[in-house]
Amino acid sequence: MSATKPKPPGSPTEAIGGLRRRRRGRGKVGGLILALAVTAAVVLFVFGVIFRVAVVRGNSMEPALKNGDLILVFGLDASVNRGDIVLMQAEGRAELVKRVAGVPGDSLSVDPRSGRLLVNGSTADEKNAPPTMPRPGSSVVYPLVLGEDEYFLLGDNRATANDSRNFGPVPRGKLIGKVILTVRTGS
């Protein structure tokens, strides 16, 4: 039986073993940092591009949405239809929540007797919304035919809403996404 001699402390073999152990430890820390960076990048992508959480400000979408409600917006859906609630980029950094009243190619006008919105000659299906009524001083002239990339957005609370009656049709590029979930905050 051969016995191996213990290595004296500070020998080259012991030093090499210590370096290996330290490298393995650094590898674990480096792997953890890499995993955290990848996770952060995925979260930023998911909640910056695919989904967005926003807070409703104001009462222009009442009764559907109330001031302070949280909304989850899906940003990758290419289809935007009449009746959808969308988040749009307004001037500066402001974001507005509005309902789609007209899509590309629609002809919009206002019934002079009832004040209701007419889409392609028929009264729009707006269950909870009061009459549309053109805004005094608005640059929108009816009948209005939307271009291939334009949407007409209205707030449900027509009396207070700043919407397409004020700023006109909205290009597709200004639509951030569709509201897919609302969390009532109790306000």
N, C-alpha and C. Protein backbone atom coordinates (compact mmCIF):
# COMPACT_ATOMS: atom_id res chain seq x y z
N MET A 1 0.83 -1.15 0.00
CA MET A 1 0.00 0.00 0.00
C MET A 1 0.88 1.22 0.00
N SER A 2 0.61 2.09 -0.89
CA SER A 2 1.43 3.29 -0.91
C SER A 2 0.63 4.43 -0.34
N ALA A 3 1.28 5.13 0.46
CA ALA A 3 0.62 6.28 1.09
C ALA A 3 1.10 7.53 0.40
N THR A 4 0.18 8.44 0.16
CA THR A 4 0.58 9.70 -0.44
C THR A 4 0.95 10.64 0.67
N LYS A 5 1.99 11.35 0.36
CA LYS A 5 2.45 12.32 1.35
C LYS A 5 1.55 13.54 1.30
N PRO A 6 1.18 14.03 2.48
CA PRO A 6 0.42 15.28 2.46
C PRO A 6 1.26 16.40 1.89
N LYS A 7 0.61 17.23 1.13
CA LYS A 7 1.30 18.36 0.50
C LYS A 7 1.49 19.44 1.55
N PRO A 8 2.63 20.06 1.53
CA PRO A 8 2.83 21.15 2.48
C PRO A 8 1.94 22.32 2.11
N PRO A 9 1.47 23.07 3.12
CA PRO A 9 0.64 24.24 2.81
C PRO A 9 1.39 25.20 1.90
N GLY A 10 0.66 25.75 0.95
CA GLY A 10 1.25 26.71 0.03
C GLY A 10 1.92 26.06 -1.16
N SER A 11 1.74 24.74 -1.33
CA SER A 11 2.35 24.08 -2.48
C SER A 11 1.61 24.47 -3.76
N PRO A 12 2.26 24.32 -4.93
CA PRO A 12 1.62 24.67 -6.20
C PRO A 12 0.32 23.90 -6.44
N THR A 13 0.26 22.65 -6.05
CA THR A 13 -0.94 21.85 -6.27
C THR A 13 -2.11 22.42 -5.47
N GLU A 14 -1.86 22.79 -4.24
CA GLU A 14 -2.90 23.37 -3.40
C GLU A 14 -3.35 24.72 -3.96
N ALA A 15 -2.44 25.51 -4.46
CA ALA A 15 -2.77 26.82 -5.02
C ALA A 15 -3.66 26.68 -6.24
N ILE A 16 -3.34 25.68 -7.09
CA ILE A 16 -4.14 25.47 -8.30
C ILE A 16 -5.55 25.03 -7.91
N GLY A 17 -5.68 24.15 -6.95
CA GLY A 17 -7.00 23.71 -6.48
C GLY A 17 -7.81 24.87 -5.94
N GLY A 18 -7.17 25.77 -5.19
CA GLY A 18 -7.85 26.95 -4.65
C GLY A 18 -8.34 27.86 -5.75
N LEU A 19 -7.52 28.04 -6.81
CA LEU A 19 -7.94 28.87 -7.95
C LEU A 19 -9.17 28.28 -8.63
N ARG A 20 -9.14 26.98 -8.79
CA ARG A 20 -10.30 26.32 -9.43
C ARG A 20 -11.57 26.54 -8.62
N ARG A 21 -11.46 26.39 -7.30
CA ARG A 21 -12.64 26.58 -6.46
C ARG A 21 -13.15 28.02 -6.55
N ARG A 22 -12.23 28.99 -6.55
CA ARG A 22 -12.65 30.40 -6.66
C ARG A 22 -13.29 30.67 -8.02
N ARG A 23 -12.74 30.09 -9.09
CA ARG A 23 -13.34 30.30 -10.42
C ARG A 23 -14.74 29.72 -10.48
N ARG A 24 -14.92 28.54 -9.87
CA ARG A 24 -16.25 27.94 -9.85
C ARG A 24 -17.23 28.85 -9.10
N GLY A 25 -16.79 29.44 -8.02
CA GLY A 25 -17.63 30.36 -7.25
C GLY A 25 -17.98 31.59 -8.07
N ARG A 26 -16.98 32.12 -8.78
CA ARG A 26 -17.25 33.28 -9.65
C ARG A 26 -18.19 32.90 -10.78
N GLY A 27 -18.08 31.70 -11.28
CA GLY A 27 -18.96 31.23 -12.34
C GLY A 27 -20.40 31.20 -11.88
N LYS A 28 -20.62 30.81 -10.64
CA LYS A 28 -21.98 30.79 -10.10
C LYS A 28 -22.53 32.21 -10.00
N VAL A 29 -21.71 33.14 -9.51
CA VAL A 29 -22.15 34.54 -9.40
C VAL A 29 -22.38 35.12 -10.79
N GLY A 30 -21.46 34.86 -11.72
CA GLY A 30 -21.62 35.34 -13.09
C GLY A 30 -22.86 34.78 -13.75
N GLY A 31 -23.13 33.49 -13.49
CA GLY A 31 -24.33 32.86 -14.04
C GLY A 31 -25.58 33.47 -13.46
N LEU A 32 -25.55 33.79 -12.18
CA LEU A 32 -26.69 34.42 -11.53
C LEU A 32 -26.93 35.82 -12.11
N ILE A 33 -25.86 36.57 -12.29
CA ILE A 33 -25.99 37.92 -12.87
C ILE A 33 -26.53 37.83 -14.29
N LEU A 34 -26.03 36.88 -15.07
CA LEU A 34 -26.53 36.70 -16.44
C LEU A 34 -28.01 36.32 -16.43
N ALA A 35 -28.40 35.40 -15.54
CA ALA A 35 -29.80 35.00 -15.46
C ALA A 35 -30.69 36.18 -15.08
N LEU A 36 -30.24 37.00 -14.13
CA LEU A 36 -31.02 38.18 -13.73
C LEU A 36 -31.13 39.18 -14.88
N ALA A 37 -30.05 39.37 -15.63
CA ALA A 37 -30.07 40.31 -16.76
C ALA A 37 -31.03 39.83 -17.85
N VAL A 38 -30.99 38.53 -18.14
CA VAL A 38 -31.89 37.97 -19.16
C VAL A 38 -33.34 38.09 -18.69
N THR A 39 -33.60 37.79 -17.44
CA THR A 39 -34.95 37.90 -16.89
C THR A 39 -35.45 39.33 -16.97
N ALA A 40 -34.60 40.29 -16.59
CA ALA A 40 -34.98 41.70 -16.66
C ALA A 40 -35.28 42.11 -18.10
N ALA A 41 -34.47 41.65 -19.05
CA ALA A 41 -34.70 41.99 -20.46
C ALA A 41 -36.03 41.41 -20.95
N VAL A 42 -36.34 40.18 -20.55
CA VAL A 42 -37.60 39.55 -20.96
C VAL A 42 -38.79 40.30 -20.36
N VAL A 43 -38.70 40.65 -19.08
CA VAL A 43 -39.78 41.38 -18.42
C VAL A 43 -39.98 42.74 -19.08
N LEU A 44 -38.89 43.45 -19.37
CA LEU A 44 -39.01 44.75 -20.05
C LEU A 44 -39.64 44.60 -21.42
N PHE A 45 -39.28 43.55 -22.14
CA PHE A 45 -39.87 43.33 -23.46
C PHE A 45 -41.36 43.01 -23.33
N VAL A 46 -41.69 42.09 -22.43
CA VAL A 46 -43.09 41.68 -22.28
C VAL A 46 -43.95 42.85 -21.83
N PHE A 47 -43.47 43.64 -20.84
CA PHE A 47 -44.29 44.74 -20.32
C PHE A 47 -43.94 46.08 -20.96
N GLY A 48 -43.15 46.09 -22.00
CA GLY A 48 -42.88 47.32 -22.73
C GLY A 48 -43.40 47.26 -24.15
N VAL A 49 -43.43 46.06 -24.72
CA VAL A 49 -43.84 45.90 -26.11
C VAL A 49 -45.13 45.10 -26.22
N ILE A 50 -45.17 43.95 -25.58
CA ILE A 50 -46.32 43.07 -25.71
C ILE A 50 -47.49 43.56 -24.85
N PHE A 51 -47.22 43.83 -23.59
CA PHE A 51 -48.25 44.31 -22.66
C PHE A 51 -47.81 45.62 -22.04
N ARG A 52 -48.78 46.39 -21.64
CA ARG A 52 -48.49 47.62 -20.91
C ARG A 52 -49.58 47.79 -19.86
N VAL A 53 -49.17 48.20 -18.68
CA VAL A 53 -50.12 48.51 -17.62
C VAL A 53 -50.22 50.03 -17.54
N ALA A 54 -51.43 50.54 -17.50
CA ALA A 54 -51.64 51.99 -17.43
C ALA A 54 -52.75 52.29 -16.42
N VAL A 55 -52.80 53.53 -16.00
CA VAL A 55 -53.82 54.00 -15.07
C VAL A 55 -54.72 54.97 -15.84
N VAL A 56 -56.02 54.78 -15.71
CA VAL A 56 -56.99 55.67 -16.35
C VAL A 56 -56.98 57.00 -15.59
N ARG A 57 -56.81 58.09 -16.31
CA ARG A 57 -56.83 59.44 -15.72
C ARG A 57 -58.02 60.20 -16.28
N GLY A 58 -58.89 60.67 -15.41
CA GLY A 58 -60.05 61.44 -15.84
C GLY A 58 -61.28 60.57 -15.98
N ASN A 59 -62.36 61.22 -16.40
CA ASN A 59 -63.65 60.51 -16.48
C ASN A 59 -64.20 60.43 -17.90
N SER A 60 -63.35 60.59 -18.91
CA SER A 60 -63.85 60.61 -20.28
C SER A 60 -64.34 59.25 -20.78
N MET A 61 -64.02 58.16 -20.07
CA MET A 61 -64.48 56.84 -20.50
C MET A 61 -65.54 56.25 -19.57
N GLU A 62 -66.09 57.07 -18.67
CA GLU A 62 -67.16 56.56 -17.81
C GLU A 62 -68.41 56.32 -18.64
N PRO A 63 -69.15 55.30 -18.38
CA PRO A 63 -69.11 54.41 -17.22
C PRO A 63 -68.20 53.19 -17.40
N ALA A 64 -67.68 52.94 -18.59
CA ALA A 64 -66.89 51.73 -18.82
C ALA A 64 -65.61 51.70 -17.97
N LEU A 65 -64.91 52.83 -17.92
CA LEU A 65 -63.67 52.94 -17.14
C LEU A 65 -63.78 54.15 -16.23
N LYS A 66 -63.28 54.01 -15.03
CA LYS A 66 -63.34 55.12 -14.07
C LYS A 66 -61.93 55.62 -13.76
N ASN A 67 -61.87 56.86 -13.31
CA ASN A 67 -60.60 57.47 -12.93
C ASN A 67 -59.89 56.57 -11.91
N GLY A 68 -58.64 56.24 -12.17
CA GLY A 68 -57.86 55.41 -11.27
C GLY A 68 -57.87 53.93 -11.59
N ASP A 69 -58.75 53.49 -12.49
CA ASP A 69 -58.75 52.07 -12.87
C ASP A 69 -57.41 51.70 -13.51
N LEU A 70 -56.98 50.47 -13.28
CA LEU A 70 -55.80 49.94 -13.94
C LEU A 70 -56.24 49.19 -15.18
N ILE A 71 -55.50 49.36 -16.27
CA ILE A 71 -55.83 48.63 -17.50
C ILE A 71 -54.59 47.89 -17.98
N LEU A 72 -54.83 46.71 -18.55
CA LEU A 72 -53.77 45.94 -19.20
C LEU A 72 -54.01 46.07 -20.69
N VAL A 73 -52.98 46.51 -21.39
CA VAL A 73 -53.08 46.79 -22.82
C VAL A 73 -52.21 45.78 -23.58
N PHE A 74 -52.79 45.15 -24.61
CA PHE A 74 -52.06 44.22 -25.47
C PHE A 74 -51.61 44.97 -26.70
N GLY A 75 -50.30 45.05 -26.92
CA GLY A 75 -49.76 45.88 -27.98
C GLY A 75 -49.46 45.19 -29.29
N LEU A 76 -49.59 43.88 -29.38
CA LEU A 76 -49.20 43.20 -30.61
C LEU A 76 -50.37 42.82 -31.51
N ASP A 77 -51.60 43.05 -31.10
CA ASP A 77 -52.75 42.68 -31.90
C ASP A 77 -52.93 43.71 -33.02
N ALA A 78 -52.84 43.25 -34.24
CA ALA A 78 -52.93 44.16 -35.38
C ALA A 78 -54.37 44.54 -35.70
N SER A 79 -55.34 43.77 -35.23
CA SER A 79 -56.73 44.08 -35.57
C SER A 79 -57.32 45.05 -34.56
N VAL A 80 -57.84 46.15 -35.06
CA VAL A 80 -58.53 47.13 -34.22
C VAL A 80 -59.91 47.30 -34.84
N ASN A 81 -60.93 47.02 -34.05
CA ASN A 81 -62.30 47.04 -34.56
C ASN A 81 -63.14 48.09 -33.87
N ARG A 82 -64.24 48.46 -34.51
CA ARG A 82 -65.19 49.37 -33.89
C ARG A 82 -65.62 48.78 -32.56
N GLY A 83 -65.67 49.63 -31.53
CA GLY A 83 -66.09 49.18 -30.21
C GLY A 83 -64.93 48.81 -29.29
N ASP A 84 -63.75 48.55 -29.85
CA ASP A 84 -62.58 48.24 -29.01
C ASP A 84 -62.19 49.48 -28.21
N ILE A 85 -61.67 49.26 -27.02
CA ILE A 85 -61.08 50.34 -26.23
C ILE A 85 -59.58 50.26 -26.43
N VAL A 86 -58.98 51.40 -26.78
CA VAL A 86 -57.54 51.41 -27.08
C VAL A 86 -56.82 52.47 -26.25
N LEU A 87 -55.53 52.26 -26.12
CA LEU A 87 -54.64 53.26 -25.52
C LEU A 87 -53.90 53.90 -26.67
N MET A 88 -53.91 55.23 -26.71
CA MET A 88 -53.25 55.95 -27.81
C MET A 88 -52.22 56.92 -27.27
N GLN A 89 -51.22 57.18 -28.08
CA GLN A 89 -50.21 58.17 -27.75
C GLN A 89 -50.72 59.54 -28.20
N ALA A 90 -50.88 60.43 -27.25
CA ALA A 90 -51.32 61.79 -27.57
C ALA A 90 -50.08 62.68 -27.67
N GLU A 91 -50.29 63.96 -27.72
CA GLU A 91 -49.18 64.91 -27.80
C GLU A 91 -48.26 64.77 -26.59
N GLY A 92 -46.98 64.92 -26.83
CA GLY A 92 -46.01 64.81 -25.73
C GLY A 92 -45.98 63.38 -25.22
N ARG A 93 -45.96 63.23 -23.92
CA ARG A 93 -45.89 61.91 -23.31
C ARG A 93 -47.26 61.41 -22.87
N ALA A 94 -48.30 62.18 -23.11
CA ALA A 94 -49.65 61.81 -22.65
C ALA A 94 -50.18 60.59 -23.40
N GLU A 95 -50.90 59.77 -22.67
CA GLU A 95 -51.59 58.63 -23.26
C GLU A 95 -53.07 58.78 -22.93
N LEU A 96 -53.93 58.50 -23.91
CA LEU A 96 -55.36 58.61 -23.73
C LEU A 96 -56.02 57.25 -23.98
N VAL A 97 -57.07 56.98 -23.25
CA VAL A 97 -57.86 55.76 -23.44
C VAL A 97 -59.16 56.18 -24.11
N LYS A 98 -59.46 55.56 -25.25
CA LYS A 98 -60.67 55.91 -26.02
C LYS A 98 -61.28 54.66 -26.65
N ARG A 99 -62.51 54.81 -27.11
CA ARG A 99 -63.22 53.73 -27.81
C ARG A 99 -63.15 54.01 -29.32
N VAL A 100 -62.92 52.95 -30.09
CA VAL A 100 -62.86 53.07 -31.55
C VAL A 100 -64.28 53.21 -32.09
N ALA A 101 -64.56 54.34 -32.74
CA ALA A 101 -65.88 54.59 -33.32
C ALA A 101 -65.86 54.43 -34.83
N GLY A 102 -64.69 54.59 -35.44
CA GLY A 102 -64.57 54.46 -36.89
C GLY A 102 -63.23 53.86 -37.26
N VAL A 103 -63.24 52.99 -38.27
CA VAL A 103 -62.03 52.32 -38.74
C VAL A 103 -61.74 52.77 -40.18
N PRO A 104 -60.56 52.45 -40.70
CA PRO A 104 -60.22 52.90 -42.06
C PRO A 104 -61.32 52.60 -43.08
N GLY A 105 -61.63 53.63 -43.88
CA GLY A 105 -62.65 53.50 -44.93
C GLY A 105 -64.05 53.88 -44.50
N ASP A 106 -64.29 54.03 -43.19
CA ASP A 106 -65.62 54.40 -42.72
C ASP A 106 -65.95 55.85 -43.08
N SER A 107 -67.24 56.08 -43.32
CA SER A 107 -67.76 57.43 -43.52
C SER A 107 -68.54 57.80 -42.27
N LEU A 108 -68.14 58.87 -41.60
CA LEU A 108 -68.75 59.29 -40.35
C LEU A 108 -69.50 60.59 -40.52
N SER A 109 -70.64 60.66 -39.88
CA SER A 109 -71.40 61.91 -39.84
C SER A 109 -72.24 61.90 -38.57
N VAL A 110 -72.92 63.01 -38.34
CA VAL A 110 -73.76 63.12 -37.15
C VAL A 110 -75.18 63.40 -37.60
N ASP A 111 -76.12 62.60 -37.08
CA ASP A 111 -77.54 62.78 -37.39
C ASP A 111 -77.96 64.14 -36.83
N PRO A 112 -78.43 65.07 -37.68
CA PRO A 112 -78.77 66.41 -37.20
C PRO A 112 -79.94 66.43 -36.22
N ARG A 113 -80.83 65.45 -36.27
CA ARG A 113 -81.98 65.42 -35.36
C ARG A 113 -81.61 64.86 -33.99
N SER A 114 -80.92 63.74 -33.96
CA SER A 114 -80.65 63.07 -32.68
C SER A 114 -79.27 63.37 -32.12
N GLY A 115 -78.35 63.84 -32.97
CA GLY A 115 -76.98 64.07 -32.52
C GLY A 115 -76.18 62.78 -32.44
N ARG A 116 -76.76 61.67 -32.87
CA ARG A 116 -76.08 60.37 -32.82
C ARG A 116 -75.07 60.24 -33.95
N LEU A 117 -74.02 59.48 -33.68
CA LEU A 117 -72.99 59.20 -34.67
C LEU A 117 -73.54 58.24 -35.72
N LEU A 118 -73.32 58.57 -36.98
CA LEU A 118 -73.67 57.69 -38.09
C LEU A 118 -72.38 57.15 -38.69
N VAL A 119 -72.31 55.83 -38.81
CA VAL A 119 -71.15 55.18 -39.44
C VAL A 119 -71.65 54.49 -40.69
N ASN A 120 -71.13 54.93 -41.82
CA ASN A 120 -71.54 54.41 -43.13
C ASN A 120 -73.06 54.49 -43.31
N GLY A 121 -73.67 55.59 -42.82
CA GLY A 121 -75.09 55.85 -43.01
C GLY A 121 -76.01 55.26 -41.95
N SER A 122 -75.47 54.40 -41.07
CA SER A 122 -76.30 53.77 -40.03
C SER A 122 -75.91 54.29 -38.66
N THR A 123 -76.91 54.36 -37.77
CA THR A 123 -76.64 54.81 -36.41
C THR A 123 -75.67 53.84 -35.75
N ALA A 124 -74.60 54.38 -35.16
CA ALA A 124 -73.59 53.55 -34.51
C ALA A 124 -74.18 52.85 -33.30
N ASP A 125 -73.71 51.64 -33.04
CA ASP A 125 -74.15 50.86 -31.88
C ASP A 125 -73.36 51.32 -30.67
N GLU A 126 -73.92 52.29 -29.95
CA GLU A 126 -73.25 52.85 -28.78
C GLU A 126 -74.21 52.76 -27.60
N LYS A 127 -74.13 51.64 -26.90
CA LYS A 127 -75.09 51.35 -25.84
C LYS A 127 -75.12 52.39 -24.73
N ASN A 128 -73.96 52.73 -24.19
CA ASN A 128 -73.91 53.60 -23.01
C ASN A 128 -73.54 55.05 -23.31
N ALA A 129 -73.27 55.36 -24.56
CA ALA A 129 -72.79 56.70 -24.88
C ALA A 129 -73.93 57.65 -25.21
N PRO A 130 -73.83 58.86 -24.73
CA PRO A 130 -74.82 59.88 -25.11
C PRO A 130 -74.57 60.32 -26.56
N PRO A 131 -75.41 61.17 -27.10
CA PRO A 131 -75.19 61.64 -28.47
C PRO A 131 -73.79 62.21 -28.66
N THR A 132 -73.30 62.08 -29.90
CA THR A 132 -71.94 62.49 -30.23
C THR A 132 -71.81 64.01 -30.32
N MET A 133 -72.72 64.65 -31.00
CA MET A 133 -72.72 66.10 -31.19
C MET A 133 -71.35 66.62 -31.62
N PRO A 134 -71.30 67.32 -32.73
CA PRO A 134 -70.02 67.92 -33.13
C PRO A 134 -69.57 68.95 -32.09
N ARG A 135 -68.29 69.10 -31.95
CA ARG A 135 -67.72 70.05 -30.99
C ARG A 135 -67.63 71.44 -31.61
N PRO A 136 -68.05 72.48 -30.90
CA PRO A 136 -67.88 73.83 -31.41
C PRO A 136 -66.38 74.13 -31.54
N GLY A 137 -66.01 74.73 -32.63
CA GLY A 137 -64.62 75.10 -32.85
C GLY A 137 -63.74 73.95 -33.30
N SER A 138 -64.31 72.78 -33.51
CA SER A 138 -63.54 71.62 -33.95
C SER A 138 -63.17 71.77 -35.42
N SER A 139 -62.02 71.23 -35.77
CA SER A 139 -61.60 71.27 -37.17
C SER A 139 -62.18 70.11 -37.98
N VAL A 140 -62.90 69.21 -37.31
CA VAL A 140 -63.49 68.05 -38.00
C VAL A 140 -64.74 68.50 -38.74
N VAL A 141 -64.80 68.17 -40.03
CA VAL A 141 -65.94 68.52 -40.87
C VAL A 141 -66.61 67.21 -41.28
N TYR A 142 -67.92 67.13 -41.05
CA TYR A 142 -68.69 65.93 -41.40
C TYR A 142 -69.39 66.17 -42.71
N PRO A 143 -69.60 65.18 -43.55
CA PRO A 143 -69.18 63.80 -43.37
C PRO A 143 -67.65 63.69 -43.49
N LEU A 144 -67.11 62.75 -42.73
CA LEU A 144 -65.67 62.52 -42.69
C LEU A 144 -65.41 61.09 -43.14
N VAL A 145 -64.58 60.93 -44.16
CA VAL A 145 -64.21 59.59 -44.63
C VAL A 145 -62.80 59.32 -44.14
N LEU A 146 -62.65 58.23 -43.39
CA LEU A 146 -61.34 57.89 -42.82
C LEU A 146 -60.43 57.27 -43.87
N GLY A 147 -59.16 57.68 -43.83
CA GLY A 147 -58.15 57.14 -44.74
C GLY A 147 -57.79 55.71 -44.38
N GLU A 148 -56.88 55.13 -45.17
CA GLU A 148 -56.54 53.71 -44.99
C GLU A 148 -55.81 53.41 -43.69
N ASP A 149 -55.32 54.42 -43.01
CA ASP A 149 -54.56 54.21 -41.77
C ASP A 149 -55.12 55.06 -40.63
N GLU A 150 -56.42 55.45 -40.71
CA GLU A 150 -56.98 56.38 -39.74
C GLU A 150 -58.11 55.75 -38.93
N TYR A 151 -58.20 56.17 -37.67
CA TYR A 151 -59.23 55.70 -36.74
C TYR A 151 -59.88 56.92 -36.10
N PHE A 152 -61.18 56.81 -35.83
CA PHE A 152 -61.91 57.86 -35.15
C PHE A 152 -62.19 57.35 -33.75
N LEU A 153 -61.67 58.04 -32.74
CA LEU A 153 -61.75 57.60 -31.36
C LEU A 153 -62.60 58.56 -30.54
N LEU A 154 -63.49 58.00 -29.73
CA LEU A 154 -64.37 58.81 -28.88
C LEU A 154 -64.32 58.32 -27.44
N GLY A 155 -64.48 59.26 -26.52
CA GLY A 155 -64.67 58.89 -25.12
C GLY A 155 -66.13 58.54 -24.91
N ASP A 156 -66.42 57.63 -23.98
CA ASP A 156 -67.81 57.25 -23.72
C ASP A 156 -68.58 58.39 -23.04
N ASN A 157 -67.90 59.19 -22.25
CA ASN A 157 -68.52 60.33 -21.58
C ASN A 157 -68.33 61.54 -22.50
N ARG A 158 -69.21 61.68 -23.48
CA ARG A 158 -69.03 62.67 -24.55
C ARG A 158 -68.97 64.11 -24.06
N ALA A 159 -69.58 64.40 -22.91
CA ALA A 159 -69.60 65.77 -22.42
C ALA A 159 -68.21 66.25 -22.02
N THR A 160 -67.36 65.35 -21.54
CA THR A 160 -66.04 65.77 -21.04
C THR A 160 -64.88 65.25 -21.87
N ALA A 161 -65.12 64.36 -22.82
CA ALA A 161 -64.04 63.69 -23.53
C ALA A 161 -63.30 64.60 -24.50
N ASN A 162 -61.98 64.53 -24.44
CA ASN A 162 -61.10 65.11 -25.45
C ASN A 162 -60.81 63.96 -26.41
N ASP A 163 -61.38 64.02 -27.61
CA ASP A 163 -61.29 62.87 -28.51
C ASP A 163 -61.19 63.32 -29.96
N SER A 164 -61.46 62.42 -30.89
CA SER A 164 -61.32 62.74 -32.31
C SER A 164 -62.22 63.87 -32.77
N ARG A 165 -63.24 64.21 -32.00
CA ARG A 165 -64.05 65.39 -32.35
C ARG A 165 -63.23 66.65 -32.19
N ASN A 166 -62.19 66.60 -31.33
CA ASN A 166 -61.31 67.74 -31.12
C ASN A 166 -60.06 67.67 -32.01
N PHE A 167 -59.39 66.52 -31.98
CA PHE A 167 -58.09 66.42 -32.65
C PHE A 167 -58.12 65.66 -33.96
N GLY A 168 -59.30 65.21 -34.38
CA GLY A 168 -59.44 64.55 -35.68
C GLY A 168 -59.05 63.08 -35.65
N PRO A 169 -59.02 62.47 -36.84
CA PRO A 169 -58.68 61.06 -36.94
C PRO A 169 -57.27 60.78 -36.40
N VAL A 170 -57.07 59.57 -35.91
CA VAL A 170 -55.79 59.17 -35.31
C VAL A 170 -55.13 58.14 -36.22
N PRO A 171 -53.87 58.37 -36.60
CA PRO A 171 -53.17 57.38 -37.43
C PRO A 171 -52.87 56.11 -36.64
N ARG A 172 -52.81 54.98 -37.31
CA ARG A 172 -52.56 53.67 -36.69
C ARG A 172 -51.30 53.69 -35.83
N GLY A 173 -50.28 54.40 -36.26
CA GLY A 173 -49.02 54.45 -35.54
C GLY A 173 -49.13 55.04 -34.14
N LYS A 174 -50.20 55.78 -33.86
CA LYS A 174 -50.41 56.38 -32.54
C LYS A 174 -51.16 55.44 -31.58
N LEU A 175 -51.67 54.33 -32.10
CA LEU A 175 -52.38 53.37 -31.26
C LEU A 175 -51.36 52.45 -30.59
N ILE A 176 -51.33 52.45 -29.27
CA ILE A 176 -50.38 51.63 -28.52
C ILE A 176 -50.88 50.20 -28.43
N GLY A 177 -52.17 50.02 -28.23
CA GLY A 177 -52.73 48.67 -28.15
C GLY A 177 -54.15 48.69 -27.63
N LYS A 178 -54.73 47.48 -27.56
CA LYS A 178 -56.12 47.31 -27.11
C LYS A 178 -56.15 46.97 -25.62
N VAL A 179 -57.14 47.53 -24.95
CA VAL A 179 -57.36 47.21 -23.54
C VAL A 179 -57.98 45.82 -23.46
N ILE A 180 -57.31 44.91 -22.71
CA ILE A 180 -57.82 43.54 -22.62
C ILE A 180 -58.28 43.20 -21.19
N LEU A 181 -57.92 44.04 -20.23
CA LEU A 181 -58.32 43.75 -18.85
C LEU A 181 -58.39 45.06 -18.08
N THR A 182 -59.41 45.18 -17.25
CA THR A 182 -59.57 46.35 -16.40
C THR A 182 -59.65 45.89 -14.96
N VAL A 183 -58.92 46.58 -14.10
CA VAL A 183 -58.97 46.30 -12.66
C VAL A 183 -59.54 47.54 -11.99
N ARG A 184 -60.73 47.40 -11.43
CA ARG A 184 -61.41 48.52 -10.76
C ARG A 184 -60.69 48.77 -9.44
N THR A 185 -60.27 50.01 -9.21
CA THR A 185 -59.53 50.33 -7.99
C THR A 185 -60.41 50.84 -6.86
N GLY A 186 -61.68 50.95 -7.12
CA GLY A 186 -62.60 51.39 -6.07
C GLY A 186 -62.85 52.87 -6.07
N SER A 187 -62.25 53.61 -6.98
CA SER A 187 -62.45 55.06 -7.05
C SER A 187 -63.83 55.39 -7.52
